Amino acid sequence: MAVQLLFPTRIYEARLSHAGWRGLNARLQRECRQMREDDLAGRRWSRRNYPGGYTSYGSAHRMHRLSPSFAALERILDRHVGKFARELEFDLDGRNLAMTDCWVNIMGQGAAHSLHLHPLSSISGTYYVAVPRGAPGLKFEDPRLERFMAAPPRSSRASRSNQPWVTLPAQAGQLLLFESWLRHEVAPQASAGERISISFNYSWF
């Protein structure tokens, strides 16, 4: 008898540890906080759609074109996205994966991000700039979950690959990449500090 593993869901995880990483991360943190101060439209949008937090998603979602610091991050991310695309065995037929969107997220105490995906994109991800102790990670949903007809619950000791939900912890300097159709969420931020991340999308052209 043989049991085969088919249709796996891949998540790319890496630490940004290149020379000068700490300096770039410090600049990104300052710019994220300054962005919140300057972005009146974003703060208004966040009050309606992101209670307890701030995101530039509704106001400034192409930060890689507005800031040299974010452009430097884009160049680093390009290499990681290229590695992930090779792992996924994408046939891009001579085209390139390019960053289309890049925005700031600052989660204060009580802020949460409900279950969602990233339409019209190929690869999405998040880079953690600052993560206070106890801040929530990124929770991924098994994409087959809605088709589990009459399936018994999983054992509490089931391996991670058989769990219907998996949360990957957040840590400053960490990068996560995933295919954009994969639904994910962030649980409410319990700690008093601010969880700062930069989210982004890549598409092929």
N, C-alpha and C. Protein backbone atom coordinates (compact mmCIF):
# COMPACT_ATOMS: atom_id res chain seq x y z
N MET A 1 0.85 -1.20 0.00
CA MET A 1 0.00 0.00 0.00
C MET A 1 0.88 1.24 0.00
N ALA A 2 0.47 2.27 -0.75
CA ALA A 2 1.20 3.53 -0.79
C ALA A 2 0.23 4.69 -0.60
N VAL A 3 0.63 5.67 0.17
CA VAL A 3 -0.14 6.91 0.34
C VAL A 3 0.64 8.02 -0.32
N GLN A 4 0.02 8.68 -1.27
CA GLN A 4 0.71 9.74 -2.01
C GLN A 4 0.25 11.11 -1.51
N LEU A 5 1.16 12.06 -1.53
CA LEU A 5 0.86 13.44 -1.17
C LEU A 5 0.62 14.22 -2.46
N LEU A 6 -0.61 14.69 -2.66
CA LEU A 6 -0.97 15.42 -3.86
C LEU A 6 -1.44 16.83 -3.51
N PHE A 7 -1.23 17.75 -4.42
CA PHE A 7 -1.74 19.12 -4.31
C PHE A 7 -1.32 19.82 -3.02
N PRO A 8 -0.05 19.82 -2.69
CA PRO A 8 0.39 20.48 -1.45
C PRO A 8 0.26 22.00 -1.55
N THR A 9 0.06 22.63 -0.42
CA THR A 9 0.04 24.10 -0.32
C THR A 9 1.38 24.54 0.23
N ARG A 10 2.10 25.35 -0.52
CA ARG A 10 3.45 25.74 -0.12
C ARG A 10 3.46 27.15 0.45
N ILE A 11 4.19 27.32 1.54
CA ILE A 11 4.43 28.62 2.16
C ILE A 11 5.94 28.82 2.21
N TYR A 12 6.39 29.95 1.72
CA TYR A 12 7.83 30.27 1.72
C TYR A 12 8.12 31.14 2.93
N GLU A 13 9.12 30.75 3.69
CA GLU A 13 9.48 31.49 4.91
C GLU A 13 10.98 31.75 4.90
N ALA A 14 11.37 32.97 5.21
CA ALA A 14 12.80 33.33 5.20
C ALA A 14 13.03 34.47 6.18
N ARG A 15 14.28 34.56 6.63
CA ARG A 15 14.72 35.69 7.44
C ARG A 15 15.57 36.60 6.56
N LEU A 16 15.35 37.90 6.66
CA LEU A 16 16.19 38.84 5.93
C LEU A 16 17.40 39.15 6.80
N SER A 17 18.52 38.55 6.46
CA SER A 17 19.71 38.68 7.30
C SER A 17 20.91 39.21 6.52
N HIS A 18 20.65 39.86 5.38
CA HIS A 18 21.75 40.38 4.57
C HIS A 18 22.42 41.56 5.28
N ALA A 19 23.59 41.91 4.80
CA ALA A 19 24.30 43.07 5.37
C ALA A 19 23.44 44.32 5.22
N GLY A 20 23.31 45.08 6.28
CA GLY A 20 22.52 46.30 6.25
C GLY A 20 21.05 46.10 6.53
N TRP A 21 20.67 44.87 6.87
CA TRP A 21 19.24 44.61 7.11
C TRP A 21 18.71 45.47 8.25
N ARG A 22 19.45 45.55 9.35
CA ARG A 22 18.93 46.28 10.50
C ARG A 22 18.72 47.76 10.19
N GLY A 23 19.62 48.33 9.41
CA GLY A 23 19.46 49.73 9.04
C GLY A 23 18.23 49.94 8.17
N LEU A 24 18.03 49.06 7.18
CA LEU A 24 16.85 49.15 6.33
C LEU A 24 15.59 48.97 7.14
N ASN A 25 15.57 48.01 8.06
CA ASN A 25 14.38 47.77 8.87
C ASN A 25 14.06 48.97 9.75
N ALA A 26 15.08 49.62 10.29
CA ALA A 26 14.86 50.82 11.10
C ALA A 26 14.24 51.94 10.27
N ARG A 27 14.74 52.11 9.03
CA ARG A 27 14.17 53.13 8.15
C ARG A 27 12.73 52.81 7.80
N LEU A 28 12.45 51.55 7.52
CA LEU A 28 11.08 51.16 7.20
C LEU A 28 10.15 51.41 8.37
N GLN A 29 10.61 51.11 9.58
CA GLN A 29 9.76 51.34 10.75
C GLN A 29 9.44 52.82 10.91
N ARG A 30 10.46 53.68 10.75
CA ARG A 30 10.21 55.12 10.86
C ARG A 30 9.23 55.58 9.79
N GLU A 31 9.41 55.08 8.57
CA GLU A 31 8.55 55.53 7.47
C GLU A 31 7.12 55.01 7.62
N CYS A 32 6.97 53.81 8.15
CA CYS A 32 5.62 53.30 8.38
C CYS A 32 4.87 54.17 9.38
N ARG A 33 5.55 54.53 10.46
CA ARG A 33 4.91 55.38 11.47
C ARG A 33 4.65 56.79 10.91
N GLN A 34 5.59 57.31 10.15
CA GLN A 34 5.40 58.64 9.56
C GLN A 34 4.28 58.61 8.53
N MET A 35 4.18 57.52 7.80
CA MET A 35 3.10 57.37 6.83
C MET A 35 1.75 57.49 7.51
N ARG A 36 1.62 56.85 8.65
CA ARG A 36 0.36 56.95 9.39
C ARG A 36 0.07 58.38 9.79
N GLU A 37 1.09 59.12 10.22
CA GLU A 37 0.87 60.51 10.63
C GLU A 37 0.45 61.38 9.45
N ASP A 38 1.02 61.13 8.28
CA ASP A 38 0.78 61.99 7.12
C ASP A 38 -0.46 61.62 6.33
N ASP A 39 -0.92 60.39 6.47
CA ASP A 39 -1.95 59.84 5.58
C ASP A 39 -3.34 60.01 6.19
N LEU A 40 -3.91 61.20 6.02
CA LEU A 40 -5.24 61.49 6.57
C LEU A 40 -6.30 60.59 5.93
N ALA A 41 -6.23 60.42 4.61
CA ALA A 41 -7.21 59.58 3.93
C ALA A 41 -7.10 58.13 4.41
N GLY A 42 -5.87 57.67 4.63
CA GLY A 42 -5.68 56.31 5.12
C GLY A 42 -6.22 56.12 6.52
N ARG A 43 -6.04 57.12 7.38
CA ARG A 43 -6.57 57.01 8.74
C ARG A 43 -8.09 56.98 8.73
N ARG A 44 -8.70 57.77 7.84
CA ARG A 44 -10.16 57.75 7.72
C ARG A 44 -10.63 56.39 7.23
N TRP A 45 -9.95 55.85 6.22
CA TRP A 45 -10.32 54.54 5.68
C TRP A 45 -10.17 53.46 6.74
N SER A 46 -9.11 53.56 7.52
CA SER A 46 -8.84 52.56 8.55
C SER A 46 -9.88 52.61 9.67
N ARG A 47 -10.34 53.79 10.02
CA ARG A 47 -11.36 53.89 11.07
C ARG A 47 -12.62 53.13 10.68
N ARG A 48 -12.93 53.13 9.39
CA ARG A 48 -14.13 52.43 8.91
C ARG A 48 -13.88 50.94 8.69
N ASN A 49 -12.69 50.59 8.24
CA ASN A 49 -12.44 49.23 7.76
C ASN A 49 -11.42 48.43 8.57
N TYR A 50 -10.70 49.08 9.47
CA TYR A 50 -9.59 48.43 10.18
C TYR A 50 -9.55 48.94 11.61
N PRO A 51 -10.62 48.73 12.38
CA PRO A 51 -10.71 49.30 13.74
C PRO A 51 -9.53 48.91 14.62
N GLY A 52 -8.97 49.90 15.29
CA GLY A 52 -7.84 49.65 16.18
C GLY A 52 -6.49 49.63 15.49
N GLY A 53 -6.49 49.81 14.18
CA GLY A 53 -5.23 49.77 13.44
C GLY A 53 -5.20 50.80 12.32
N TYR A 54 -4.11 50.77 11.59
CA TYR A 54 -3.94 51.64 10.41
C TYR A 54 -3.39 50.81 9.26
N THR A 55 -3.92 51.03 8.08
CA THR A 55 -3.36 50.44 6.87
C THR A 55 -3.41 51.48 5.75
N SER A 56 -2.41 51.47 4.92
CA SER A 56 -2.40 52.38 3.76
C SER A 56 -3.00 51.70 2.53
N TYR A 57 -3.62 50.52 2.71
CA TYR A 57 -4.16 49.76 1.58
C TYR A 57 -5.15 50.59 0.76
N GLY A 58 -5.98 51.38 1.44
CA GLY A 58 -7.00 52.15 0.73
C GLY A 58 -6.53 53.51 0.25
N SER A 59 -5.27 53.86 0.49
CA SER A 59 -4.81 55.21 0.17
C SER A 59 -3.46 55.25 -0.53
N ALA A 60 -2.53 54.43 -0.09
CA ALA A 60 -1.17 54.41 -0.67
C ALA A 60 -0.71 52.96 -0.72
N HIS A 61 -1.04 52.27 -1.81
CA HIS A 61 -0.77 50.84 -1.91
C HIS A 61 0.34 50.51 -2.90
N ARG A 62 1.13 51.54 -3.27
CA ARG A 62 2.29 51.30 -4.13
C ARG A 62 3.51 52.01 -3.52
N MET A 63 3.78 51.65 -2.28
CA MET A 63 4.86 52.30 -1.56
C MET A 63 6.22 52.07 -2.19
N HIS A 64 6.39 50.98 -2.93
CA HIS A 64 7.67 50.70 -3.60
C HIS A 64 7.98 51.72 -4.68
N ARG A 65 6.97 52.48 -5.11
CA ARG A 65 7.18 53.52 -6.11
C ARG A 65 7.29 54.91 -5.49
N LEU A 66 7.06 55.00 -4.19
CA LEU A 66 7.05 56.29 -3.50
C LEU A 66 8.25 56.50 -2.59
N SER A 67 8.88 55.42 -2.14
CA SER A 67 9.93 55.52 -1.13
C SER A 67 11.16 54.72 -1.53
N PRO A 68 12.35 55.32 -1.46
CA PRO A 68 13.58 54.54 -1.73
C PRO A 68 13.75 53.36 -0.78
N SER A 69 13.31 53.49 0.46
CA SER A 69 13.43 52.38 1.42
C SER A 69 12.56 51.21 1.00
N PHE A 70 11.34 51.50 0.59
CA PHE A 70 10.45 50.43 0.13
C PHE A 70 10.94 49.86 -1.19
N ALA A 71 11.54 50.68 -2.05
CA ALA A 71 12.11 50.18 -3.30
C ALA A 71 13.28 49.24 -3.02
N ALA A 72 14.07 49.54 -1.98
CA ALA A 72 15.16 48.65 -1.59
C ALA A 72 14.61 47.32 -1.09
N LEU A 73 13.52 47.37 -0.33
CA LEU A 73 12.89 46.13 0.12
C LEU A 73 12.37 45.34 -1.08
N GLU A 74 11.79 46.03 -2.05
CA GLU A 74 11.30 45.36 -3.26
C GLU A 74 12.41 44.56 -3.95
N ARG A 75 13.59 45.14 -4.06
CA ARG A 75 14.69 44.44 -4.73
C ARG A 75 15.07 43.16 -3.98
N ILE A 76 15.02 43.21 -2.66
CA ILE A 76 15.30 42.02 -1.87
C ILE A 76 14.19 40.98 -2.06
N LEU A 77 12.95 41.45 -2.01
CA LEU A 77 11.83 40.54 -2.16
C LEU A 77 11.81 39.88 -3.53
N ASP A 78 12.23 40.61 -4.56
CA ASP A 78 12.25 40.05 -5.92
C ASP A 78 13.03 38.73 -5.95
N ARG A 79 14.15 38.68 -5.25
CA ARG A 79 14.96 37.47 -5.27
C ARG A 79 14.24 36.31 -4.58
N HIS A 80 13.58 36.61 -3.47
CA HIS A 80 12.85 35.56 -2.76
C HIS A 80 11.64 35.08 -3.57
N VAL A 81 10.95 36.00 -4.20
CA VAL A 81 9.80 35.62 -5.02
C VAL A 81 10.26 34.75 -6.19
N GLY A 82 11.42 35.06 -6.76
CA GLY A 82 11.97 34.24 -7.82
C GLY A 82 12.25 32.81 -7.36
N LYS A 83 12.80 32.67 -6.16
CA LYS A 83 13.07 31.34 -5.61
C LYS A 83 11.76 30.57 -5.38
N PHE A 84 10.76 31.27 -4.85
CA PHE A 84 9.48 30.63 -4.58
C PHE A 84 8.81 30.19 -5.88
N ALA A 85 8.88 31.04 -6.90
CA ALA A 85 8.30 30.69 -8.20
C ALA A 85 8.94 29.44 -8.79
N ARG A 86 10.25 29.30 -8.60
CA ARG A 86 10.92 28.08 -9.08
C ARG A 86 10.47 26.86 -8.28
N GLU A 87 10.28 27.03 -6.98
CA GLU A 87 9.78 25.93 -6.15
C GLU A 87 8.38 25.52 -6.60
N LEU A 88 7.56 26.48 -7.00
CA LEU A 88 6.21 26.21 -7.47
C LEU A 88 6.20 25.69 -8.91
N GLU A 89 7.36 25.76 -9.56
CA GLU A 89 7.52 25.31 -10.95
C GLU A 89 6.59 26.07 -11.91
N PHE A 90 6.50 27.37 -11.71
CA PHE A 90 5.74 28.22 -12.62
C PHE A 90 6.40 28.23 -13.99
N ASP A 91 5.61 28.15 -15.04
CA ASP A 91 6.08 28.36 -16.40
C ASP A 91 5.64 29.76 -16.81
N LEU A 92 6.54 30.72 -16.67
CA LEU A 92 6.19 32.11 -16.95
C LEU A 92 6.36 32.49 -18.42
N ASP A 93 6.87 31.56 -19.22
CA ASP A 93 6.96 31.75 -20.67
C ASP A 93 7.66 33.07 -21.02
N GLY A 94 8.81 33.31 -20.37
CA GLY A 94 9.59 34.50 -20.67
C GLY A 94 9.10 35.77 -20.00
N ARG A 95 8.05 35.70 -19.23
CA ARG A 95 7.55 36.89 -18.52
C ARG A 95 8.14 36.94 -17.12
N ASN A 96 7.90 38.06 -16.44
CA ASN A 96 8.46 38.26 -15.10
C ASN A 96 7.35 38.44 -14.09
N LEU A 97 7.63 38.01 -12.87
CA LEU A 97 6.78 38.35 -11.74
C LEU A 97 7.22 39.71 -11.21
N ALA A 98 6.30 40.63 -11.08
CA ALA A 98 6.65 41.99 -10.65
C ALA A 98 5.70 42.44 -9.54
N MET A 99 6.25 43.24 -8.61
CA MET A 99 5.43 43.77 -7.54
C MET A 99 4.43 44.77 -8.10
N THR A 100 3.16 44.57 -7.74
CA THR A 100 2.10 45.48 -8.19
C THR A 100 1.56 46.35 -7.06
N ASP A 101 1.58 45.82 -5.84
CA ASP A 101 1.03 46.53 -4.69
C ASP A 101 1.94 46.33 -3.48
N CYS A 102 2.01 47.36 -2.63
CA CYS A 102 2.84 47.29 -1.43
C CYS A 102 2.29 48.33 -0.46
N TRP A 103 1.87 47.87 0.72
CA TRP A 103 1.23 48.79 1.65
C TRP A 103 1.63 48.50 3.09
N VAL A 104 1.30 49.45 3.96
CA VAL A 104 1.70 49.43 5.38
C VAL A 104 0.53 48.97 6.23
N ASN A 105 0.82 48.14 7.24
CA ASN A 105 -0.18 47.75 8.24
C ASN A 105 0.39 47.99 9.63
N ILE A 106 -0.36 48.69 10.47
CA ILE A 106 0.02 48.87 11.87
C ILE A 106 -1.17 48.44 12.72
N MET A 107 -0.99 47.35 13.47
CA MET A 107 -2.07 46.82 14.30
C MET A 107 -1.85 47.23 15.74
N GLY A 108 -2.77 48.02 16.27
CA GLY A 108 -2.75 48.35 17.69
C GLY A 108 -3.52 47.30 18.47
N GLN A 109 -3.61 47.50 19.77
CA GLN A 109 -4.29 46.53 20.63
C GLN A 109 -5.74 46.37 20.19
N GLY A 110 -6.18 45.14 20.02
CA GLY A 110 -7.55 44.85 19.62
C GLY A 110 -7.77 44.77 18.12
N ALA A 111 -6.82 45.22 17.32
CA ALA A 111 -6.97 45.19 15.86
C ALA A 111 -6.88 43.76 15.36
N ALA A 112 -7.64 43.45 14.33
CA ALA A 112 -7.63 42.13 13.72
C ALA A 112 -7.80 42.29 12.22
N HIS A 113 -7.46 41.23 11.48
CA HIS A 113 -7.64 41.24 10.03
C HIS A 113 -8.39 39.97 9.67
N SER A 114 -9.63 40.12 9.20
CA SER A 114 -10.50 38.97 8.97
C SER A 114 -10.04 38.16 7.76
N LEU A 115 -10.63 36.98 7.62
CA LEU A 115 -10.25 36.02 6.59
C LEU A 115 -10.41 36.63 5.20
N HIS A 116 -9.37 36.50 4.37
CA HIS A 116 -9.40 37.10 3.05
C HIS A 116 -8.36 36.43 2.15
N LEU A 117 -8.43 36.75 0.87
CA LEU A 117 -7.38 36.39 -0.09
C LEU A 117 -7.06 37.63 -0.91
N HIS A 118 -6.14 37.50 -1.88
CA HIS A 118 -5.70 38.65 -2.67
C HIS A 118 -6.04 38.42 -4.14
N PRO A 119 -7.22 38.87 -4.58
CA PRO A 119 -7.65 38.61 -5.96
C PRO A 119 -6.72 39.25 -7.00
N LEU A 120 -6.69 38.66 -8.17
CA LEU A 120 -5.98 39.19 -9.34
C LEU A 120 -4.48 39.29 -9.13
N SER A 121 -3.93 38.52 -8.20
CA SER A 121 -2.49 38.48 -7.98
C SER A 121 -2.01 37.04 -8.05
N SER A 122 -0.71 36.86 -8.19
CA SER A 122 -0.13 35.52 -8.30
C SER A 122 0.50 35.07 -6.98
N ILE A 123 1.39 35.90 -6.44
CA ILE A 123 2.05 35.63 -5.17
C ILE A 123 1.86 36.83 -4.26
N SER A 124 1.52 36.57 -3.02
CA SER A 124 1.37 37.63 -2.02
C SER A 124 2.26 37.30 -0.84
N GLY A 125 2.42 38.28 0.03
CA GLY A 125 3.26 38.02 1.19
C GLY A 125 3.23 39.16 2.17
N THR A 126 3.96 38.94 3.25
CA THR A 126 4.10 39.98 4.27
C THR A 126 5.52 39.95 4.83
N TYR A 127 6.00 41.13 5.15
CA TYR A 127 7.31 41.27 5.80
C TYR A 127 7.06 41.96 7.14
N TYR A 128 7.59 41.37 8.23
CA TYR A 128 7.36 41.91 9.56
C TYR A 128 8.46 42.89 9.93
N VAL A 129 8.05 44.12 10.20
CA VAL A 129 8.98 45.19 10.55
C VAL A 129 9.19 45.25 12.06
N ALA A 130 8.11 45.19 12.81
CA ALA A 130 8.18 45.24 14.28
C ALA A 130 7.09 44.34 14.84
N VAL A 131 7.45 43.49 15.79
CA VAL A 131 6.49 42.54 16.36
C VAL A 131 6.64 42.53 17.87
N PRO A 132 5.68 43.08 18.62
CA PRO A 132 5.77 43.04 20.08
C PRO A 132 5.55 41.63 20.60
N ARG A 133 6.01 41.37 21.80
CA ARG A 133 5.84 40.05 22.41
C ARG A 133 4.36 39.70 22.49
N GLY A 134 4.02 38.50 22.06
CA GLY A 134 2.64 38.04 22.13
C GLY A 134 1.77 38.43 20.96
N ALA A 135 2.34 39.12 19.97
CA ALA A 135 1.55 39.53 18.81
C ALA A 135 1.16 38.30 17.98
N PRO A 136 -0.01 38.32 17.35
CA PRO A 136 -0.46 37.15 16.59
C PRO A 136 0.33 36.96 15.31
N GLY A 137 0.43 35.72 14.87
CA GLY A 137 1.04 35.40 13.59
C GLY A 137 0.00 35.40 12.49
N LEU A 138 0.36 34.81 11.36
CA LEU A 138 -0.54 34.75 10.21
C LEU A 138 -1.17 33.36 10.18
N LYS A 139 -2.49 33.33 10.17
CA LYS A 139 -3.25 32.08 10.23
C LYS A 139 -3.75 31.71 8.84
N PHE A 140 -3.37 30.53 8.36
CA PHE A 140 -3.74 30.06 7.03
C PHE A 140 -4.84 29.00 7.13
N GLU A 141 -5.74 29.03 6.15
CA GLU A 141 -6.84 28.07 6.07
C GLU A 141 -6.54 27.02 5.01
N ASP A 142 -6.81 25.76 5.34
CA ASP A 142 -6.73 24.69 4.36
C ASP A 142 -7.70 25.03 3.21
N PRO A 143 -7.21 25.17 1.98
CA PRO A 143 -8.10 25.59 0.88
C PRO A 143 -9.18 24.57 0.53
N ARG A 144 -9.07 23.35 1.06
CA ARG A 144 -10.08 22.32 0.79
C ARG A 144 -11.18 22.31 1.84
N LEU A 145 -11.11 23.18 2.82
CA LEU A 145 -11.94 23.07 4.01
C LEU A 145 -13.43 23.04 3.67
N GLU A 146 -13.88 23.86 2.75
CA GLU A 146 -15.30 23.92 2.42
C GLU A 146 -15.80 22.66 1.71
N ARG A 147 -14.87 21.79 1.29
CA ARG A 147 -15.26 20.55 0.61
C ARG A 147 -15.15 19.32 1.51
N PHE A 148 -14.88 19.52 2.78
CA PHE A 148 -14.74 18.39 3.70
C PHE A 148 -16.13 17.87 4.09
N MET A 149 -16.78 17.18 3.17
CA MET A 149 -18.13 16.68 3.41
C MET A 149 -18.07 15.45 4.32
N ALA A 150 -18.76 15.49 5.45
CA ALA A 150 -18.87 14.37 6.38
C ALA A 150 -17.53 13.89 6.90
N ALA A 151 -16.53 14.77 6.92
CA ALA A 151 -15.21 14.38 7.42
C ALA A 151 -15.18 14.49 8.94
N PRO A 152 -14.64 13.48 9.64
CA PRO A 152 -14.50 13.58 11.10
C PRO A 152 -13.50 14.68 11.46
N PRO A 153 -13.56 15.17 12.68
CA PRO A 153 -12.57 16.17 13.09
C PRO A 153 -11.17 15.56 13.13
N ARG A 154 -10.17 16.41 12.98
CA ARG A 154 -8.79 15.95 13.05
C ARG A 154 -8.39 15.72 14.51
N SER A 155 -7.52 14.78 14.72
CA SER A 155 -6.99 14.52 16.05
C SER A 155 -6.23 15.75 16.54
N SER A 156 -6.28 15.97 17.85
CA SER A 156 -5.53 17.09 18.43
C SER A 156 -4.03 16.90 18.26
N ARG A 157 -3.61 15.66 17.98
CA ARG A 157 -2.20 15.36 17.76
C ARG A 157 -1.84 15.24 16.28
N ALA A 158 -2.77 15.65 15.40
CA ALA A 158 -2.51 15.55 13.95
C ALA A 158 -1.30 16.39 13.56
N SER A 159 -0.58 15.92 12.57
CA SER A 159 0.57 16.68 12.08
C SER A 159 0.12 18.01 11.49
N ARG A 160 1.04 18.95 11.39
CA ARG A 160 0.67 20.27 10.89
C ARG A 160 0.09 20.20 9.48
N SER A 161 0.59 19.27 8.66
CA SER A 161 0.10 19.17 7.29
C SER A 161 -1.33 18.67 7.21
N ASN A 162 -1.87 18.12 8.31
CA ASN A 162 -3.26 17.65 8.34
C ASN A 162 -4.18 18.54 9.15
N GLN A 163 -3.69 19.66 9.63
CA GLN A 163 -4.52 20.58 10.38
C GLN A 163 -5.32 21.47 9.43
N PRO A 164 -6.59 21.78 9.75
CA PRO A 164 -7.38 22.66 8.88
C PRO A 164 -6.95 24.13 8.96
N TRP A 165 -6.31 24.51 10.06
CA TRP A 165 -5.80 25.86 10.24
C TRP A 165 -4.37 25.77 10.78
N VAL A 166 -3.50 26.61 10.26
CA VAL A 166 -2.12 26.65 10.76
C VAL A 166 -1.72 28.12 10.92
N THR A 167 -1.20 28.47 12.10
CA THR A 167 -0.72 29.82 12.34
C THR A 167 0.80 29.81 12.39
N LEU A 168 1.42 30.64 11.57
CA LEU A 168 2.87 30.78 11.57
C LEU A 168 3.22 32.03 12.39
N PRO A 169 4.07 31.88 13.41
CA PRO A 169 4.39 33.01 14.29
C PRO A 169 5.04 34.17 13.52
N ALA A 170 4.81 35.36 14.03
CA ALA A 170 5.41 36.56 13.44
C ALA A 170 6.67 36.93 14.20
N GLN A 171 7.66 37.42 13.47
CA GLN A 171 8.92 37.86 14.08
C GLN A 171 9.52 38.94 13.20
N ALA A 172 10.04 40.00 13.80
CA ALA A 172 10.64 41.08 13.03
C ALA A 172 11.76 40.54 12.15
N GLY A 173 11.77 40.97 10.88
CA GLY A 173 12.77 40.52 9.93
C GLY A 173 12.37 39.29 9.16
N GLN A 174 11.18 38.76 9.45
CA GLN A 174 10.72 37.53 8.80
C GLN A 174 9.87 37.86 7.58
N LEU A 175 9.99 37.02 6.57
CA LEU A 175 9.24 37.15 5.32
C LEU A 175 8.41 35.88 5.10
N LEU A 176 7.15 36.05 4.72
CA LEU A 176 6.29 34.95 4.32
C LEU A 176 5.76 35.21 2.92
N LEU A 177 5.80 34.20 2.07
CA LEU A 177 5.22 34.26 0.73
C LEU A 177 4.25 33.10 0.56
N PHE A 178 3.17 33.35 -0.19
CA PHE A 178 2.18 32.31 -0.44
C PHE A 178 1.44 32.67 -1.73
N GLU A 179 0.81 31.66 -2.33
CA GLU A 179 0.02 31.94 -3.52
C GLU A 179 -1.21 32.74 -3.11
N SER A 180 -1.59 33.69 -3.97
CA SER A 180 -2.58 34.70 -3.58
C SER A 180 -3.98 34.16 -3.35
N TRP A 181 -4.27 32.94 -3.83
CA TRP A 181 -5.59 32.36 -3.62
C TRP A 181 -5.76 31.77 -2.22
N LEU A 182 -4.70 31.68 -1.45
CA LEU A 182 -4.75 31.05 -0.14
C LEU A 182 -5.34 32.01 0.89
N ARG A 183 -6.44 31.62 1.50
CA ARG A 183 -7.08 32.51 2.47
C ARG A 183 -6.31 32.52 3.80
N HIS A 184 -6.32 33.69 4.44
CA HIS A 184 -5.54 33.87 5.67
C HIS A 184 -6.16 35.00 6.49
N GLU A 185 -5.76 35.06 7.76
CA GLU A 185 -6.28 36.09 8.65
C GLU A 185 -5.28 36.34 9.77
N VAL A 186 -5.52 37.42 10.51
CA VAL A 186 -4.71 37.74 11.69
C VAL A 186 -5.65 37.89 12.88
N ALA A 187 -5.41 37.14 13.93
CA ALA A 187 -6.24 37.21 15.13
C ALA A 187 -6.09 38.56 15.82
N PRO A 188 -7.00 38.92 16.71
CA PRO A 188 -6.90 40.21 17.40
C PRO A 188 -5.57 40.37 18.13
N GLN A 189 -5.03 41.56 18.04
CA GLN A 189 -3.77 41.91 18.68
C GLN A 189 -4.02 42.13 20.17
N ALA A 190 -3.47 41.26 20.99
CA ALA A 190 -3.73 41.33 22.44
C ALA A 190 -2.74 42.24 23.16
N SER A 191 -1.52 42.35 22.66
CA SER A 191 -0.50 43.12 23.37
C SER A 191 -0.69 44.61 23.14
N ALA A 192 -0.08 45.40 24.02
CA ALA A 192 -0.23 46.85 23.95
C ALA A 192 0.67 47.47 22.88
N GLY A 193 1.72 46.78 22.46
CA GLY A 193 2.61 47.32 21.44
C GLY A 193 1.98 47.29 20.06
N GLU A 194 2.71 47.84 19.08
CA GLU A 194 2.20 47.90 17.72
C GLU A 194 2.90 46.86 16.84
N ARG A 195 2.12 46.08 16.15
CA ARG A 195 2.60 45.08 15.20
C ARG A 195 2.65 45.75 13.82
N ILE A 196 3.85 45.92 13.27
CA ILE A 196 4.02 46.64 12.01
C ILE A 196 4.46 45.65 10.94
N SER A 197 3.74 45.63 9.84
CA SER A 197 4.09 44.75 8.73
C SER A 197 3.90 45.48 7.40
N ILE A 198 4.54 44.95 6.38
CA ILE A 198 4.39 45.46 5.02
C ILE A 198 3.88 44.30 4.17
N SER A 199 2.72 44.48 3.56
CA SER A 199 2.13 43.46 2.71
C SER A 199 2.31 43.84 1.25
N PHE A 200 2.25 42.84 0.37
CA PHE A 200 2.52 43.11 -1.05
C PHE A 200 1.96 42.00 -1.92
N ASN A 201 1.78 42.33 -3.20
CA ASN A 201 1.34 41.40 -4.22
C ASN A 201 2.30 41.41 -5.39
N TYR A 202 2.44 40.27 -6.04
CA TYR A 202 3.19 40.14 -7.29
C TYR A 202 2.26 39.51 -8.34
N SER A 203 2.37 40.00 -9.57
CA SER A 203 1.66 39.42 -10.70
C SER A 203 2.63 39.21 -11.84
N TRP A 204 2.25 38.41 -12.82
CA TRP A 204 3.16 38.14 -13.94
C TRP A 204 2.70 38.89 -15.19
N PHE A 205 3.69 39.43 -15.90
CA PHE A 205 3.45 40.27 -17.07
C PHE A 205 4.33 39.83 -18.23
